[in-house]
Amino acid sequence: MAPEELLVQVQAQNQARMEQARKLAATGEALNLYAAAGLAPLSLDLQAGQLKPAPEAERWLLEAIANGSDESLIAATAVRRCLDGGDCAVERAVATLQTEEGADAQLLLMRWAQTRGDQDRANKAKQRALDAPRYGDQLPSIIRLLDAATSGMAWPVVQPQRALQWERANNGLYAEHERVVTIFSIALGMWQPELKAALALCPADESDIHQREQCRNLLQRMADSDTMIIAKAGAQRLARIEAQSESARSSAEYLRQLDWLFFRSAEFLNNNDPARKASTVEPQVYMRWFGEEGEIPAMRRFLQHQGEPLLPPAGWVAPPVPPTS
Protein backbone atom coordinates (compact mmCIF):
# COMPACT_ATOMS: atom_id res chain seq x y z
CA MET A 1 0.00 0.00 0.00
CA ALA A 2 1.38 3.40 -0.99
CA PRO A 3 1.93 5.87 1.89
CA GLU A 4 -0.73 8.25 0.60
CA GLU A 5 -3.25 5.40 0.34
CA LEU A 6 -2.43 4.26 3.86
CA LEU A 7 -2.90 7.83 5.12
CA VAL A 8 -6.36 8.05 3.53
CA GLN A 9 -7.34 4.74 5.10
CA VAL A 10 -6.05 5.71 8.56
CA GLN A 11 -7.81 9.07 8.44
CA ALA A 12 -11.13 7.50 7.42
CA GLN A 13 -10.89 4.89 10.17
CA ASN A 14 -9.86 7.45 12.78
CA GLN A 15 -12.85 9.62 11.93
CA ALA A 16 -15.23 6.66 12.18
CA ARG A 17 -13.65 5.56 15.47
CA MET A 18 -13.99 9.02 17.00
CA GLU A 19 -17.62 9.34 15.94
CA GLN A 20 -18.41 5.97 17.52
CA ALA A 21 -16.44 6.87 20.65
CA ARG A 22 -18.50 10.03 21.12
CA LYS A 23 -21.73 8.03 20.79
CA LEU A 24 -20.52 5.59 23.45
CA ALA A 25 -19.37 8.34 25.80
CA ALA A 26 -22.72 10.12 25.46
CA THR A 27 -24.40 7.21 27.27
CA GLY A 28 -22.52 8.11 30.44
CA GLU A 29 -22.10 4.43 31.34
CA ALA A 30 -18.72 3.63 32.89
CA LEU A 31 -17.78 0.71 30.63
CA ASN A 32 -18.92 2.63 27.55
CA LEU A 33 -16.74 5.55 28.63
CA TYR A 34 -13.83 3.16 29.13
CA ALA A 35 -14.38 1.65 25.67
CA ALA A 36 -14.71 5.12 24.14
CA ALA A 37 -11.38 6.18 25.64
CA GLY A 38 -9.72 3.15 24.05
CA LEU A 39 -11.49 3.51 20.72
CA ALA A 40 -10.53 7.17 20.30
CA PRO A 41 -7.48 7.37 18.01
CA LEU A 42 -4.15 8.61 19.31
CA SER A 43 -2.62 11.78 17.91
CA LEU A 44 1.03 12.65 17.44
CA ASP A 45 2.38 15.20 19.88
CA LEU A 46 5.21 16.69 17.82
CA GLN A 47 6.69 18.58 20.76
CA ALA A 48 6.86 15.48 22.96
CA GLY A 49 7.63 13.19 20.03
CA GLN A 50 5.05 10.60 21.06
CA LEU A 51 1.49 9.48 20.51
CA LYS A 52 -1.01 10.82 23.00
CA PRO A 53 -4.73 10.29 23.58
CA ALA A 54 -7.09 13.05 22.60
CA PRO A 55 -8.26 15.38 25.42
CA GLU A 56 -11.75 13.93 25.04
CA ALA A 57 -10.41 10.42 25.58
CA GLU A 58 -8.61 11.49 28.76
CA ARG A 59 -11.81 13.06 30.07
CA TRP A 60 -13.83 9.95 29.27
CA LEU A 61 -11.33 7.70 31.03
CA LEU A 62 -11.28 9.87 34.15
CA GLU A 63 -15.08 9.84 34.20
CA ALA A 64 -15.07 6.05 33.80
CA ILE A 65 -12.68 5.72 36.76
CA ALA A 66 -14.73 8.10 38.89
CA ASN A 67 -17.97 6.23 38.25
CA GLY A 68 -16.90 2.67 37.51
CA SER A 69 -13.98 1.61 39.70
CA ASP A 70 -16.07 -1.30 40.93
CA GLU A 71 -15.47 -2.86 37.48
CA SER A 72 -12.22 -4.85 37.44
CA LEU A 73 -11.16 -3.58 34.00
CA ILE A 74 -11.52 0.02 35.08
CA ALA A 75 -10.07 -0.60 38.53
CA ALA A 76 -6.87 -2.07 37.08
CA THR A 77 -6.50 0.92 34.75
CA ALA A 78 -6.99 3.34 37.65
CA VAL A 79 -4.24 1.70 39.71
CA ARG A 80 -1.84 1.59 36.76
CA ARG A 81 -2.43 5.29 36.08
CA CYS A 82 -1.42 5.94 39.67
CA LEU A 83 1.77 3.90 39.20
CA ASP A 84 2.51 5.86 36.01
CA GLY A 85 2.28 9.19 37.81
CA GLY A 86 -1.44 9.90 37.56
CA ASP A 87 -4.09 10.49 40.19
CA CYS A 88 -3.64 8.15 43.16
CA ALA A 89 -7.08 8.51 44.73
CA VAL A 90 -7.71 4.89 43.87
CA GLU A 91 -8.85 3.25 47.11
CA ARG A 92 -12.14 2.19 45.54
CA ALA A 93 -10.25 0.57 42.66
CA VAL A 94 -7.87 -1.11 45.11
CA ALA A 95 -10.83 -2.50 47.05
CA THR A 96 -12.22 -3.94 43.82
CA LEU A 97 -8.94 -5.66 42.92
CA GLN A 98 -8.64 -7.10 46.42
CA THR A 99 -11.74 -9.18 45.70
CA GLU A 100 -10.10 -10.65 42.56
CA GLU A 101 -8.53 -14.09 42.93
CA GLY A 102 -6.37 -13.84 39.80
CA ALA A 103 -2.62 -13.49 40.33
CA ASP A 104 -2.42 -10.61 37.84
CA ALA A 105 -4.63 -8.41 40.04
CA GLN A 106 -2.62 -9.29 43.14
CA LEU A 107 0.69 -8.55 41.42
CA LEU A 108 -0.66 -5.13 40.48
CA LEU A 109 -1.70 -4.52 44.09
CA MET A 110 1.74 -5.64 45.24
CA ARG A 111 3.40 -3.04 43.02
CA TRP A 112 0.97 -0.35 44.16
CA ALA A 113 1.64 -1.09 47.85
CA GLN A 114 5.39 -1.11 47.27
CA THR A 115 5.30 2.39 45.79
CA ARG A 116 3.43 3.57 48.89
CA GLY A 117 6.00 1.99 51.19
CA ASP A 118 3.33 -0.27 52.65
CA GLN A 119 5.35 -3.47 52.95
CA ASP A 120 2.73 -5.34 54.94
CA ARG A 121 0.13 -4.79 52.25
CA ALA A 122 2.68 -5.63 49.55
CA ASN A 123 3.56 -8.92 51.26
CA LYS A 124 -0.08 -9.92 51.54
CA ALA A 125 -0.67 -9.21 47.85
CA LYS A 126 2.51 -11.11 46.94
CA GLN A 127 1.39 -14.16 48.90
CA ARG A 128 -2.05 -14.08 47.33
CA ALA A 129 -0.39 -13.93 43.90
CA LEU A 130 1.81 -16.93 44.68
CA ASP A 131 -1.15 -18.93 46.01
CA ALA A 132 -3.66 -17.84 43.35
CA PRO A 133 -5.90 -20.54 41.83
CA ARG A 134 -5.52 -18.94 38.41
CA TYR A 135 -3.36 -16.28 36.81
CA GLY A 136 -6.15 -14.05 35.51
CA ASP A 137 -6.35 -12.28 32.19
CA GLN A 138 -8.36 -9.25 31.13
CA LEU A 139 -7.62 -9.46 27.40
CA PRO A 140 -10.74 -11.47 26.44
CA SER A 141 -12.88 -9.05 28.47
CA ILE A 142 -11.38 -6.07 26.63
CA ILE A 143 -11.96 -7.81 23.28
CA ARG A 144 -15.60 -8.50 24.17
CA LEU A 145 -16.13 -4.91 25.29
CA LEU A 146 -14.64 -3.38 22.15
CA ASP A 147 -16.48 -5.85 19.92
CA ALA A 148 -19.81 -4.86 21.48
CA ALA A 149 -18.83 -1.18 21.30
CA THR A 150 -18.20 -1.32 17.54
CA SER A 151 -20.72 -3.95 16.47
CA GLY A 152 -22.97 -2.61 13.76
CA MET A 153 -20.94 0.51 13.02
CA ALA A 154 -20.10 1.25 9.41
CA TRP A 155 -16.39 0.50 9.12
CA PRO A 156 -14.85 2.49 6.25
CA VAL A 157 -13.29 0.71 3.28
CA VAL A 158 -11.40 3.16 1.08
CA GLN A 159 -9.74 0.61 -1.24
CA PRO A 160 -12.40 -1.56 -2.90
CA GLN A 161 -9.84 -3.52 -4.95
CA ARG A 162 -7.86 -4.48 -1.86
CA ALA A 163 -11.10 -5.45 -0.14
CA LEU A 164 -12.13 -7.65 -3.09
CA GLN A 165 -8.74 -9.39 -3.13
CA TRP A 166 -8.99 -10.20 0.57
CA GLU A 167 -12.58 -11.45 0.24
CA ARG A 168 -11.56 -13.78 -2.58
CA ALA A 169 -8.96 -15.37 -0.31
CA ASN A 170 -10.99 -15.53 2.87
CA ASN A 171 -14.48 -15.90 4.22
CA GLY A 172 -16.22 -12.75 5.38
CA LEU A 173 -16.27 -9.05 4.59
CA TYR A 174 -13.10 -6.98 4.38
CA ALA A 175 -14.68 -4.23 6.49
CA GLU A 176 -15.16 -6.72 9.32
CA HIS A 177 -11.59 -7.91 8.88
CA GLU A 178 -10.37 -4.33 9.29
CA ARG A 179 -12.58 -3.81 12.35
CA VAL A 180 -11.28 -7.00 13.97
CA VAL A 181 -7.63 -6.14 13.27
CA THR A 182 -8.17 -2.68 14.75
CA ILE A 183 -9.92 -4.03 17.84
CA PHE A 184 -7.09 -6.46 18.54
CA SER A 185 -4.57 -3.65 18.15
CA ILE A 186 -6.46 -1.37 20.54
CA ALA A 187 -7.02 -4.16 23.06
CA LEU A 188 -3.33 -5.06 23.16
CA GLY A 189 -2.54 -1.41 23.89
CA MET A 190 -5.04 -1.36 26.78
CA TRP A 191 -3.98 -4.74 28.21
CA GLN A 192 -1.19 -5.18 30.76
CA PRO A 193 -0.83 -8.75 32.05
CA GLU A 194 1.76 -8.01 34.82
CA LEU A 195 4.22 -10.49 33.31
CA LYS A 196 7.25 -8.43 34.30
CA ALA A 197 6.18 -8.49 37.95
CA ALA A 198 5.47 -12.22 37.85
CA LEU A 199 8.82 -13.16 36.33
CA ALA A 200 10.70 -10.81 38.67
CA LEU A 201 8.99 -12.52 41.61
CA CYS A 202 10.00 -15.95 40.29
CA PRO A 203 13.46 -15.63 38.70
CA ALA A 204 14.92 -18.62 36.89
CA ASP A 205 17.89 -18.79 39.27
CA GLU A 206 15.79 -18.79 42.44
CA SER A 207 17.68 -20.85 45.04
CA ASP A 208 15.31 -20.50 48.00
CA ILE A 209 13.50 -23.86 48.18
CA HIS A 210 10.36 -22.42 49.82
CA GLN A 211 10.12 -19.63 47.24
CA ARG A 212 10.72 -22.15 44.46
CA GLU A 213 7.78 -24.27 45.64
CA GLN A 214 5.49 -21.26 45.78
CA CYS A 215 6.67 -20.05 42.42
CA ARG A 216 5.90 -23.44 40.91
CA ASN A 217 2.21 -22.81 41.61
CA LEU A 218 2.26 -19.31 40.13
CA LEU A 219 4.18 -20.38 37.04
CA GLN A 220 1.90 -23.38 36.51
CA ARG A 221 -1.14 -21.11 36.73
CA MET A 222 0.50 -18.93 34.07
CA ALA A 223 1.17 -21.96 31.87
CA ASP A 224 -2.51 -22.91 32.26
CA SER A 225 -3.59 -19.51 30.89
CA ASP A 226 -5.75 -19.31 27.79
CA THR A 227 -3.63 -16.43 26.46
CA MET A 228 -0.54 -17.36 24.44
CA ILE A 229 2.00 -14.90 25.82
CA ILE A 230 1.10 -15.69 29.45
CA ALA A 231 1.10 -19.47 28.89
CA LYS A 232 4.44 -19.35 27.09
CA ALA A 233 6.05 -17.17 29.77
CA GLY A 234 4.94 -19.54 32.52
CA ALA A 235 5.98 -22.70 30.68
CA GLN A 236 9.35 -21.23 29.70
CA ARG A 237 10.17 -20.19 33.25
CA LEU A 238 9.00 -23.56 34.62
CA ALA A 239 11.31 -25.35 32.20
CA ARG A 240 14.23 -23.23 33.40
CA ILE A 241 13.73 -23.56 37.15
CA GLU A 242 13.04 -27.29 36.89
CA ALA A 243 16.32 -27.86 35.01
CA GLN A 244 16.58 -31.50 33.86
CA SER A 245 13.45 -32.81 35.57
CA GLU A 246 10.50 -34.56 33.94
CA SER A 247 8.49 -31.41 34.60
CA ALA A 248 10.93 -29.44 32.45
CA ARG A 249 10.48 -31.89 29.58
CA SER A 250 6.69 -31.60 29.90
CA SER A 251 6.96 -27.81 29.82
CA ALA A 252 9.19 -27.97 26.73
CA GLU A 253 6.69 -30.18 24.91
CA TYR A 254 3.82 -27.89 25.88
CA LEU A 255 5.79 -24.95 24.47
CA ARG A 256 6.17 -26.86 21.19
CA GLN A 257 2.41 -27.43 21.12
CA LEU A 258 1.75 -23.72 21.75
CA ASP A 259 4.13 -22.78 18.95
CA TRP A 260 2.28 -25.12 16.59
CA LEU A 261 -1.06 -23.50 17.43
CA PHE A 262 0.38 -20.02 16.97
CA PHE A 263 2.27 -20.52 13.72
CA ARG A 264 -0.29 -22.80 12.07
CA SER A 265 -3.14 -20.41 12.89
CA ALA A 266 -1.11 -17.45 11.64
CA GLU A 267 -0.55 -19.15 8.28
CA PHE A 268 -4.30 -19.06 7.66
CA LEU A 269 -5.22 -15.84 9.44
CA ASN A 270 -2.56 -13.77 7.67
CA ASN A 271 -3.19 -15.15 4.19
CA ASN A 272 -3.47 -12.65 1.33
CA ASP A 273 -3.17 -15.09 -1.55
CA PRO A 274 -6.34 -15.02 -3.68
CA ALA A 275 -5.25 -18.28 -5.32
CA ARG A 276 -6.30 -20.26 -2.27
CA LYS A 277 -9.12 -19.87 0.21
CA ALA A 278 -7.24 -19.54 3.46
CA SER A 279 -9.68 -18.98 6.31
CA THR A 280 -12.97 -20.84 6.59
CA VAL A 281 -13.94 -18.67 9.56
CA GLU A 282 -15.20 -15.10 9.35
CA PRO A 283 -13.05 -12.57 11.27
CA GLN A 284 -15.79 -11.53 13.69
CA VAL A 285 -16.52 -15.19 14.50
CA TYR A 286 -12.90 -15.83 15.44
CA MET A 287 -12.91 -12.66 17.55
CA ARG A 288 -16.06 -13.82 19.33
CA TRP A 289 -14.41 -17.15 20.15
CA PHE A 290 -11.39 -15.25 21.48
CA GLY A 291 -13.54 -13.02 23.66
CA GLU A 292 -15.73 -15.81 25.00
CA GLU A 293 -13.21 -18.65 25.38
CA GLY A 294 -9.72 -17.12 25.28
CA GLU A 295 -6.94 -17.04 22.71
CA ILE A 296 -5.62 -20.62 22.89
CA PRO A 297 -9.10 -22.26 22.83
CA ALA A 298 -9.99 -19.97 19.91
CA MET A 299 -6.88 -21.09 18.01
CA ARG A 300 -7.73 -24.73 18.64
CA ARG A 301 -11.30 -24.22 17.48
CA PHE A 302 -10.05 -22.33 14.41
CA LEU A 303 -7.67 -25.13 13.41
CA GLN A 304 -10.43 -27.69 13.87
CA HIS A 305 -12.57 -25.74 11.40
CA GLN A 306 -9.62 -25.72 9.01
CA GLY A 307 -9.31 -29.50 9.32
CA GLU A 308 -5.86 -29.11 10.82
CA PRO A 309 -4.34 -31.27 13.61
CA LEU A 310 -4.17 -29.63 17.02
CA LEU A 311 -0.84 -31.22 17.91
CA PRO A 312 2.41 -30.83 15.97
CA PRO A 313 3.85 -33.79 14.09
CA ALA A 314 6.86 -35.55 15.56
CA GLY A 315 10.04 -33.59 15.03
CA TRP A 316 8.29 -30.34 14.14
CA VAL A 317 10.05 -27.23 15.44
CA ALA A 318 8.90 -23.65 15.30
CA PRO A 319 10.37 -21.63 12.42
CA PRO A 320 12.80 -18.89 13.43
CA VAL A 321 11.24 -15.48 13.94
CA PRO A 322 12.99 -12.87 11.77
CA PRO A 323 14.54 -9.91 13.61
CA THR A 324 12.41 -6.77 13.84
CA SER A 325 15.24 -4.38 13.09
Foldseek 3Di string as FASTA:
>chain_A
DDPVVVVVQVVQQLVLLQVLLVVLVVVLALLSLLLSLLSHDWDADVVVRDTDGDPSSVVSLVSSLVPPLLDQLSLLVLLVCVVVPHDDPRPSNLVNLVVDQALQSLLSQLVSCVVVVNNVSNVVSVLSSLVRPAHDFCLLVQLVSNCVSCPPRQQDDPDVVLQVLQVLQEPDGVSVVVSLVVSNVSSVVSTDSCLVSLCVQPPLPDDPPVSNVSNLSNLVNQLVDLELVSVLSSLVSQLSNVPPDPSNVVSVQSNQLSLCLVVVLCVQSVDSHSVHRRFPDYSVVLSNCCSPPNNNVSSQVRCVVVVHDSGDDPPDGHDDDDDPD
